[in-house]
């Protein structure tokens, strides 16, 4: 998401809060991609991944969900950057 901000010449916050970054990319919330509602899931891993043992272990289902969301965001960002 930060790469998309750089590509679009948008100044962004130094944060791991993906919802905040999406708001910086799309100030008009009706223009946000559909996956935006799932970003809260990924944002939680930004902190828990830095402090092992702080949270409960991730289940297989949670891991698969996080990978699916991350792939969706990566595909979206790649498409925007590749298409100018």
PDB file of N, CA and C in Angstrom:
ATOM      1  N   UNK A   1       0.823  -1.183   0.000  1.00  0.00           N
ATOM      2  CA  UNK A   1       0.000   0.000   0.000  1.00  0.00           C
ATOM      3  C   UNK A   1       0.874   1.255   0.000  1.00  0.00           C
ATOM      4  N   UNK A   2       1.985   1.198   0.697  1.00  0.00           N
ATOM      5  CA  UNK A   2       2.887   2.341   0.683  1.00  0.00           C
ATOM      6  C   UNK A   2       3.505   2.519  -0.701  1.00  0.00           C
ATOM      7  N   UNK A   3       3.734   1.422  -1.406  1.00  0.00           N
ATOM      8  CA  UNK A   3       4.243   1.520  -2.780  1.00  0.00           C
ATOM      9  C   UNK A   3       3.236   2.223  -3.679  1.00  0.00           C
ATOM     10  N   UNK A   4       1.960   1.969  -3.473  1.00  0.00           N
ATOM     11  CA  UNK A   4       0.918   2.653  -4.253  1.00  0.00           C
ATOM     12  C   UNK A   4       0.917   4.138  -3.902  1.00  0.00           C
ATOM     13  N   UNK A   5       1.099   4.465  -2.636  1.00  0.00           N
ATOM     14  CA  UNK A   5       1.192   5.877  -2.249  1.00  0.00           C
ATOM     15  C   UNK A   5       2.363   6.553  -2.958  1.00  0.00           C
ATOM     16  N   UNK A   6       3.512   5.908  -2.965  1.00  0.00           N
ATOM     17  CA  UNK A   6       4.688   6.469  -3.639  1.00  0.00           C
ATOM     18  C   UNK A   6       4.408   6.622  -5.129  1.00  0.00           C
ATOM     19  N   UNK A   7       3.828   5.602  -5.725  1.00  0.00           N
ATOM     20  CA  UNK A   7       3.495   5.634  -7.152  1.00  0.00           C
ATOM     21  C   UNK A   7       2.565   6.803  -7.486  1.00  0.00           C
ATOM     22  N   UNK A   8       1.636   7.080  -6.597  1.00  0.00           N
ATOM     23  CA  UNK A   8       0.663   8.164  -6.820  1.00  0.00           C
ATOM     24  C   UNK A   8       1.118   9.496  -6.245  1.00  0.00           C
ATOM     25  N   UNK A   9       2.330   9.558  -5.740  1.00  0.00           N
ATOM     26  CA  UNK A   9       2.886  10.792  -5.155  1.00  0.00           C
ATOM     27  C   UNK A   9       2.026  11.280  -3.987  1.00  0.00           C
ATOM     28  N   UNK A  10       1.609  10.359  -3.152  1.00  0.00           N
ATOM     29  CA  UNK A  10       0.810  10.674  -1.969  1.00  0.00           C
ATOM     30  C   UNK A  10       1.687  10.484  -0.738  1.00  0.00           C
ATOM     31  N   UNK A  11       1.769  11.522   0.081  1.00  0.00           N
ATOM     32  CA  UNK A  11       2.508  11.395   1.336  1.00  0.00           C
ATOM     33  C   UNK A  11       1.707  10.490   2.256  1.00  0.00           C
ATOM     34  N   UNK A  12       2.392   9.584   2.934  1.00  0.00           N
ATOM     35  CA  UNK A  12       1.693   8.634   3.793  1.00  0.00           C
ATOM     36  C   UNK A  12       2.264   8.652   5.204  1.00  0.00           C
ATOM     37  N   UNK A  13       1.455   8.183   6.128  1.00  0.00           N
ATOM     38  CA  UNK A  13       1.856   8.098   7.526  1.00  0.00           C
ATOM     39  C   UNK A  13       2.813   6.939   7.721  1.00  0.00           C
ATOM     40  N   UNK A  14       3.706   7.094   8.656  1.00  0.00           N
ATOM     41  CA  UNK A  14       4.591   5.992   9.022  1.00  0.00           C
ATOM     42  C   UNK A  14       3.853   5.156  10.061  1.00  0.00           C
ATOM     43  N   UNK A  15       3.054   4.235   9.553  1.00  0.00           N
ATOM     44  CA  UNK A  15       2.186   3.426  10.391  1.00  0.00           C
ATOM     45  C   UNK A  15       2.037   2.036   9.794  1.00  0.00           C
ATOM     46  N   UNK A  16       1.614   1.107  10.612  1.00  0.00           N
ATOM     47  CA  UNK A  16       1.278  -0.230  10.127  1.00  0.00           C
ATOM     48  C   UNK A  16      -0.237  -0.405  10.087  1.00  0.00           C
ATOM     49  N   UNK A  17      -0.968   0.653  10.347  1.00  0.00           N
ATOM     50  CA  UNK A  17      -2.431   0.614  10.321  1.00  0.00           C
ATOM     51  C   UNK A  17      -2.888   0.697   8.868  1.00  0.00           C
ATOM     52  N   UNK A  18      -3.254  -0.440   8.305  1.00  0.00           N
ATOM     53  CA  UNK A  18      -3.600  -0.490   6.885  1.00  0.00           C
ATOM     54  C   UNK A  18      -4.879   0.265   6.564  1.00  0.00           C
ATOM     55  N   UNK A  19      -5.805   0.341   7.506  1.00  0.00           N
ATOM     56  CA  UNK A  19      -7.018   1.129   7.271  1.00  0.00           C
ATOM     57  C   UNK A  19      -6.675   2.615   7.144  1.00  0.00           C
ATOM     58  N   UNK A  20      -5.744   3.069   7.951  1.00  0.00           N
ATOM     59  CA  UNK A  20      -5.315   4.474   7.866  1.00  0.00           C
ATOM     60  C   UNK A  20      -4.651   4.755   6.515  1.00  0.00           C
ATOM     61  N   UNK A  21      -3.790   3.830   6.081  1.00  0.00           N
ATOM     62  CA  UNK A  21      -3.149   4.005   4.774  1.00  0.00           C
ATOM     63  C   UNK A  21      -4.177   4.014   3.645  1.00  0.00           C
ATOM     64  N   UNK A  22      -5.171   3.154   3.743  1.00  0.00           N
ATOM     65  CA  UNK A  22      -6.209   3.115   2.704  1.00  0.00           C
ATOM     66  C   UNK A  22      -6.983   4.433   2.675  1.00  0.00           C
ATOM     67  N   UNK A  23      -7.219   5.005   3.842  1.00  0.00           N
ATOM     68  CA  UNK A  23      -7.910   6.303   3.904  1.00  0.00           C
ATOM     69  C   UNK A  23      -7.061   7.394   3.262  1.00  0.00           C
ATOM     70  N   UNK A  24      -5.766   7.287   3.382  1.00  0.00           N
ATOM     71  CA  UNK A  24      -4.888   8.265   2.739  1.00  0.00           C
ATOM     72  C   UNK A  24      -4.901   8.097   1.221  1.00  0.00           C
ATOM     73  N   UNK A  25      -5.066   6.868   0.762  1.00  0.00           N
ATOM     74  CA  UNK A  25      -5.157   6.617  -0.680  1.00  0.00           C
ATOM     75  C   UNK A  25      -6.523   6.992  -1.243  1.00  0.00           C
ATOM     76  N   UNK A  26      -7.562   6.767  -0.462  1.00  0.00           N
ATOM     77  CA  UNK A  26      -8.938   6.997  -0.912  1.00  0.00           C
ATOM     78  C   UNK A  26      -9.689   7.831   0.121  1.00  0.00           C
ATOM     79  N   UNK A  27      -9.514   9.159   0.109  1.00  0.00           N
ATOM     80  CA  UNK A  27     -10.239   9.999   1.071  1.00  0.00           C
ATOM     81  C   UNK A  27     -11.761   9.841   0.958  1.00  0.00           C
ATOM     82  N   UNK A  28     -12.270   9.566  -0.242  1.00  0.00           N
ATOM     83  CA  UNK A  28     -13.703   9.306  -0.419  1.00  0.00           C
ATOM     84  C   UNK A  28     -13.917   7.808  -0.215  1.00  0.00           C
ATOM     85  N   UNK A  29     -14.449   7.421   0.928  1.00  0.00           N
ATOM     86  CA  UNK A  29     -14.515   6.012   1.296  1.00  0.00           C
ATOM     87  C   UNK A  29     -15.311   5.160   0.316  1.00  0.00           C
ATOM     88  N   UNK A  30     -16.222   5.756  -0.435  1.00  0.00           N
ATOM     89  CA  UNK A  30     -17.000   4.959  -1.390  1.00  0.00           C
ATOM     90  C   UNK A  30     -16.142   4.456  -2.548  1.00  0.00           C
ATOM     91  N   UNK A  31     -14.947   5.026  -2.721  1.00  0.00           N
ATOM     92  CA  UNK A  31     -14.048   4.602  -3.792  1.00  0.00           C
ATOM     93  C   UNK A  31     -13.097   3.485  -3.374  1.00  0.00           C
ATOM     94  N   UNK A  32     -13.110   3.119  -2.094  1.00  0.00           N
ATOM     95  CA  UNK A  32     -12.177   2.114  -1.583  1.00  0.00           C
ATOM     96  C   UNK A  32     -12.476   0.739  -2.164  1.00  0.00           C
ATOM     97  N   UNK A  33     -11.428  -0.054  -2.363  1.00  0.00           N
ATOM     98  CA  UNK A  33     -11.628  -1.433  -2.847  1.00  0.00           C
ATOM     99  C   UNK A  33     -12.438  -2.260  -1.842  1.00  0.00           C
ATOM    100  N   UNK A  34     -13.061  -3.303  -2.336  1.00  0.00           N
ATOM    101  CA  UNK A  34     -13.899  -4.158  -1.495  1.00  0.00           C
ATOM    102  C   UNK A  34     -13.137  -4.813  -0.349  1.00  0.00           C
ATOM    103  N   UNK A  35     -11.861  -5.105  -0.548  1.00  0.00           N
ATOM    104  CA  UNK A  35     -11.103  -5.817   0.481  1.00  0.00           C
ATOM    105  C   UNK A  35     -10.775  -4.959   1.699  1.00  0.00           C
ATOM    106  N   UNK A  36     -11.077  -3.670   1.645  1.00  0.00           N
ATOM    107  CA  UNK A  36     -10.734  -2.768   2.737  1.00  0.00           C
ATOM    108  C   UNK A  36     -11.271  -3.267   4.073  1.00  0.00           C
ATOM    109  N   UNK A  37     -12.445  -3.874   4.054  1.00  0.00           N
ATOM    110  CA  UNK A  37     -13.051  -4.360   5.301  1.00  0.00           C
ATOM    111  C   UNK A  37     -12.202  -5.438   5.972  1.00  0.00           C
ATOM    112  N   UNK A  38     -11.324  -6.097   5.221  1.00  0.00           N
ATOM    113  CA  UNK A  38     -10.498  -7.169   5.757  1.00  0.00           C
ATOM    114  C   UNK A  38      -9.138  -6.704   6.270  1.00  0.00           C
ATOM    115  N   UNK A  39      -8.818  -5.433   6.100  1.00  0.00           N
ATOM    116  CA  UNK A  39      -7.488  -4.947   6.447  1.00  0.00           C
ATOM    117  C   UNK A  39      -7.205  -4.994   7.942  1.00  0.00           C
ATOM    118  N   UNK A  40      -8.224  -4.902   8.750  1.00  0.00           N
ATOM    119  CA  UNK A  40      -8.044  -4.955  10.207  1.00  0.00           C
ATOM    120  C   UNK A  40      -7.348  -6.252  10.615  1.00  0.00           C
ATOM    121  N   UNK A  41      -7.675  -7.336   9.925  1.00  0.00           N
ATOM    122  CA  UNK A  41      -7.061  -8.636  10.215  1.00  0.00           C
ATOM    123  C   UNK A  41      -5.548  -8.551  10.026  1.00  0.00           C
ATOM    124  N   UNK A  42      -5.114  -7.986   8.912  1.00  0.00           N
ATOM    125  CA  UNK A  42      -3.676  -7.900   8.638  1.00  0.00           C
ATOM    126  C   UNK A  42      -2.966  -6.926   9.569  1.00  0.00           C
ATOM    127  N   UNK A  43      -3.605  -5.817   9.881  1.00  0.00           N
ATOM    128  CA  UNK A  43      -2.975  -4.812  10.743  1.00  0.00           C
ATOM    129  C   UNK A  43      -2.605  -5.409  12.096  1.00  0.00           C
ATOM    130  N   UNK A  44      -3.426  -6.311  12.599  1.00  0.00           N
ATOM    131  CA  UNK A  44      -3.143  -6.933  13.887  1.00  0.00           C
ATOM    132  C   UNK A  44      -1.856  -7.726  13.894  1.00  0.00           C
ATOM    133  N   UNK A  45      -1.494  -8.306  12.752  1.00  0.00           N
ATOM    134  CA  UNK A  45      -0.272  -9.092  12.667  1.00  0.00           C
ATOM    135  C   UNK A  45       0.983  -8.227  12.655  1.00  0.00           C
ATOM    136  N   UNK A  46       0.870  -6.971  12.330  1.00  0.00           N
ATOM    137  CA  UNK A  46       2.030  -6.081  12.305  1.00  0.00           C
ATOM    138  C   UNK A  46       2.632  -5.942  13.697  1.00  0.00           C
ATOM    139  N   UNK A  47       1.793  -5.959  14.715  1.00  0.00           N
ATOM    140  CA  UNK A  47       2.277  -5.847  16.088  1.00  0.00           C
ATOM    141  C   UNK A  47       2.584  -7.219  16.662  1.00  0.00           C
ATOM    142  N   UNK A  48       1.659  -8.157  16.518  1.00  0.00           N
ATOM    143  CA  UNK A  48       1.854  -9.469  17.141  1.00  0.00           C
ATOM    144  C   UNK A  48       3.050 -10.203  16.551  1.00  0.00           C
ATOM    145  N   UNK A  49       3.359  -9.965  15.297  1.00  0.00           N
ATOM    146  CA  UNK A  49       4.517 -10.606  14.675  1.00  0.00           C
ATOM    147  C   UNK A  49       5.843 -10.103  15.214  1.00  0.00           C
ATOM    148  N   UNK A  50       5.844  -8.922  15.774  1.00  0.00           N
ATOM    149  CA  UNK A  50       7.077  -8.344  16.327  1.00  0.00           C
ATOM    150  C   UNK A  50       7.340  -8.795  17.757  1.00  0.00           C
ATOM    151  N   UNK A  51       6.299  -9.273  18.420  1.00  0.00           N
ATOM    152  CA  UNK A  51       6.424  -9.658  19.821  1.00  0.00           C
ATOM    153  C   UNK A  51       5.926 -11.083  20.020  1.00  0.00           C
ATOM    154  N   UNK A  52       6.714 -12.078  19.613  1.00  0.00           N
ATOM    155  CA  UNK A  52       6.287 -13.472  19.745  1.00  0.00           C
ATOM    156  C   UNK A  52       5.940 -13.816  21.197  1.00  0.00           C
ATOM    157  N   UNK A  53       4.917 -14.629  21.355  1.00  0.00           N
ATOM    158  CA  UNK A  53       4.489 -15.039  22.680  1.00  0.00           C
ATOM    159  C   UNK A  53       3.534 -14.081  23.340  1.00  0.00           C
ATOM    160  N   UNK A  54       3.313 -12.925  22.739  1.00  0.00           N
ATOM    161  CA  UNK A  54       2.425 -11.919  23.308  1.00  0.00           C
ATOM    162  C   UNK A  54       0.965 -12.311  23.105  1.00  0.00           C
ATOM    163  N   UNK A  55       0.655 -12.881  21.943  1.00  0.00           N
ATOM    164  CA  UNK A  55      -0.709 -13.293  21.617  1.00  0.00           C
ATOM    165  C   UNK A  55      -0.794 -14.808  21.532  1.00  0.00           C
ATOM    166  N   UNK A  56      -2.019 -15.293  21.432  1.00  0.00           N
ATOM    167  CA  UNK A  56      -2.246 -16.717  21.237  1.00  0.00           C
ATOM    168  C   UNK A  56      -1.688 -17.130  19.872  1.00  0.00           C
ATOM    169  N   UNK A  57      -1.250 -18.370  19.733  1.00  0.00           N
ATOM    170  CA  UNK A  57      -0.775 -18.837  18.428  1.00  0.00           C
ATOM    171  C   UNK A  57      -1.881 -18.734  17.370  1.00  0.00           C
ATOM    172  N   UNK A  58      -1.469 -18.488  16.159  1.00  0.00           N
ATOM    173  CA  UNK A  58      -2.398 -18.354  15.039  1.00  0.00           C
ATOM    174  C   UNK A  58      -2.827 -19.743  14.590  1.00  0.00           C
ATOM    175  N   UNK A  59      -4.115 -19.900  14.336  1.00  0.00           N
ATOM    176  CA  UNK A  59      -4.615 -21.182  13.849  1.00  0.00           C
ATOM    177  C   UNK A  59      -4.361 -21.300  12.354  1.00  0.00           C
ATOM    178  N   UNK A  60      -4.487 -22.501  11.833  1.00  0.00           N
ATOM    179  CA  UNK A  60      -4.336 -22.743  10.397  1.00  0.00           C
ATOM    180  C   UNK A  60      -5.345 -21.896   9.617  1.00  0.00           C
ATOM    181  N   UNK A  61      -6.574 -21.822  10.105  1.00  0.00           N
ATOM    182  CA  UNK A  61      -7.615 -21.041   9.431  1.00  0.00           C
ATOM    183  C   UNK A  61      -7.285 -19.554   9.422  1.00  0.00           C
ATOM    184  N   UNK A  62      -6.798 -19.031  10.553  1.00  0.00           N
ATOM    185  CA  UNK A  62      -6.417 -17.618  10.623  1.00  0.00           C
ATOM    186  C   UNK A  62      -5.245 -17.324   9.684  1.00  0.00           C
ATOM    187  N   UNK A  63      -4.294 -18.244   9.637  1.00  0.00           N
ATOM    188  CA  UNK A  63      -3.144 -18.083   8.758  1.00  0.00           C
ATOM    189  C   UNK A  63      -3.588 -18.040   7.296  1.00  0.00           C
ATOM    190  N   UNK A  64      -4.469 -18.967   6.911  1.00  0.00           N
ATOM    191  CA  UNK A  64      -4.957 -19.001   5.533  1.00  0.00           C
ATOM    192  C   UNK A  64      -5.729 -17.731   5.191  1.00  0.00           C
ATOM    193  N   UNK A  65      -6.522 -17.230   6.125  1.00  0.00           N
ATOM    194  CA  UNK A  65      -7.260 -15.991   5.900  1.00  0.00           C
ATOM    195  C   UNK A  65      -6.293 -14.818   5.686  1.00  0.00           C
ATOM    196  N   UNK A  66      -5.282 -14.719   6.533  1.00  0.00           N
ATOM    197  CA  UNK A  66      -4.309 -13.625   6.419  1.00  0.00           C
ATOM    198  C   UNK A  66      -3.555 -13.689   5.093  1.00  0.00           C
ATOM    199  N   UNK A  67      -3.169 -14.872   4.667  1.00  0.00           N
ATOM    200  CA  UNK A  67      -2.466 -15.028   3.391  1.00  0.00           C
ATOM    201  C   UNK A  67      -3.378 -14.636   2.233  1.00  0.00           C
ATOM    202  N   UNK A  68      -4.648 -15.045   2.301  1.00  0.00           N
ATOM    203  CA  UNK A  68      -5.600 -14.691   1.238  1.00  0.00           C
ATOM    204  C   UNK A  68      -5.757 -13.175   1.135  1.00  0.00           C
ATOM    205  N   UNK A  69      -5.916 -12.513   2.265  1.00  0.00           N
ATOM    206  CA  UNK A  69      -6.077 -11.050   2.267  1.00  0.00           C
ATOM    207  C   UNK A  69      -4.797 -10.377   1.754  1.00  0.00           C
ATOM    208  N   UNK A  70      -3.653 -10.823   2.239  1.00  0.00           N
ATOM    209  CA  UNK A  70      -2.380 -10.229   1.805  1.00  0.00           C
ATOM    210  C   UNK A  70      -2.182 -10.388   0.306  1.00  0.00           C
ATOM    211  N   UNK A  71      -2.526 -11.554  -0.228  1.00  0.00           N
ATOM    212  CA  UNK A  71      -2.402 -11.777  -1.672  1.00  0.00           C
ATOM    213  C   UNK A  71      -3.334 -10.842  -2.435  1.00  0.00           C
ATOM    214  N   UNK A  72      -4.534 -10.642  -1.936  1.00  0.00           N
ATOM    215  CA  UNK A  72      -5.479  -9.731  -2.576  1.00  0.00           C
ATOM    216  C   UNK A  72      -4.914  -8.312  -2.612  1.00  0.00           C
ATOM    217  N   UNK A  73      -4.353  -7.864  -1.495  1.00  0.00           N
ATOM    218  CA  UNK A  73      -3.772  -6.513  -1.431  1.00  0.00           C
ATOM    219  C   UNK A  73      -2.566  -6.410  -2.362  1.00  0.00           C
ATOM    220  N   UNK A  74      -1.726  -7.420  -2.367  1.00  0.00           N
ATOM    221  CA  UNK A  74      -0.544  -7.407  -3.240  1.00  0.00           C
ATOM    222  C   UNK A  74      -0.945  -7.388  -4.714  1.00  0.00           C
ATOM    223  N   UNK A  75      -1.919  -8.200  -5.081  1.00  0.00           N
ATOM    224  CA  UNK A  75      -2.398  -8.207  -6.474  1.00  0.00           C
ATOM    225  C   UNK A  75      -2.971  -6.848  -6.864  1.00  0.00           C
ATOM    226  N   UNK A  76      -3.729  -6.238  -5.959  1.00  0.00           N
ATOM    227  CA  UNK A  76      -4.316  -4.907  -6.200  1.00  0.00           C
ATOM    228  C   UNK A  76      -3.208  -3.871  -6.417  1.00  0.00           C
ATOM    229  N   UNK A  77      -2.212  -3.859  -5.510  1.00  0.00           N
ATOM    230  CA  UNK A  77      -1.119  -2.884  -5.614  1.00  0.00           C
ATOM    231  C   UNK A  77      -0.301  -3.096  -6.882  1.00  0.00           C
ATOM    232  N   UNK A  78      -0.009  -4.353  -7.201  1.00  0.00           N
ATOM    233  CA  UNK A  78       0.745  -4.664  -8.411  1.00  0.00           C
ATOM    234  C   UNK A  78       0.013  -4.194  -9.657  1.00  0.00           C
ATOM    235  N   UNK A  79      -1.293  -4.391  -9.677  1.00  0.00           N
ATOM    236  CA  UNK A  79      -2.106  -3.970 -10.818  1.00  0.00           C
ATOM    237  C   UNK A  79      -2.079  -2.456 -10.986  1.00  0.00           C
ATOM    238  N   UNK A  80      -2.215  -1.735  -9.892  1.00  0.00           N
ATOM    239  CA  UNK A  80      -2.203  -0.256  -9.973  1.00  0.00           C
ATOM    240  C   UNK A  80      -0.860   0.240 -10.478  1.00  0.00           C
ATOM    241  N   UNK A  81       0.206  -0.290  -9.938  1.00  0.00           N
ATOM    242  CA  UNK A  81       1.547   0.182 -10.324  1.00  0.00           C
ATOM    243  C   UNK A  81       1.861  -0.225 -11.769  1.00  0.00           C
ATOM    244  N   UNK A  82       1.485  -1.427 -12.151  1.00  0.00           N
ATOM    245  CA  UNK A  82       1.775  -1.912 -13.515  1.00  0.00           C
ATOM    246  C   UNK A  82       0.988  -1.168 -14.581  1.00  0.00           C
ATOM    247  N   UNK A  83      -0.212  -0.699 -14.242  1.00  0.00           N
ATOM    248  CA  UNK A  83      -1.073  -0.034 -15.218  1.00  0.00           C
ATOM    249  C   UNK A  83      -0.946   1.483 -15.191  1.00  0.00           C
ATOM    250  N   UNK A  84       0.008   1.974 -14.425  1.00  0.00           N
ATOM    251  CA  UNK A  84       0.260   3.401 -14.431  1.00  0.00           C
ATOM    252  C   UNK A  84      -0.660   4.147 -13.585  1.00  0.00           C
TER     253      UNK A  84
END
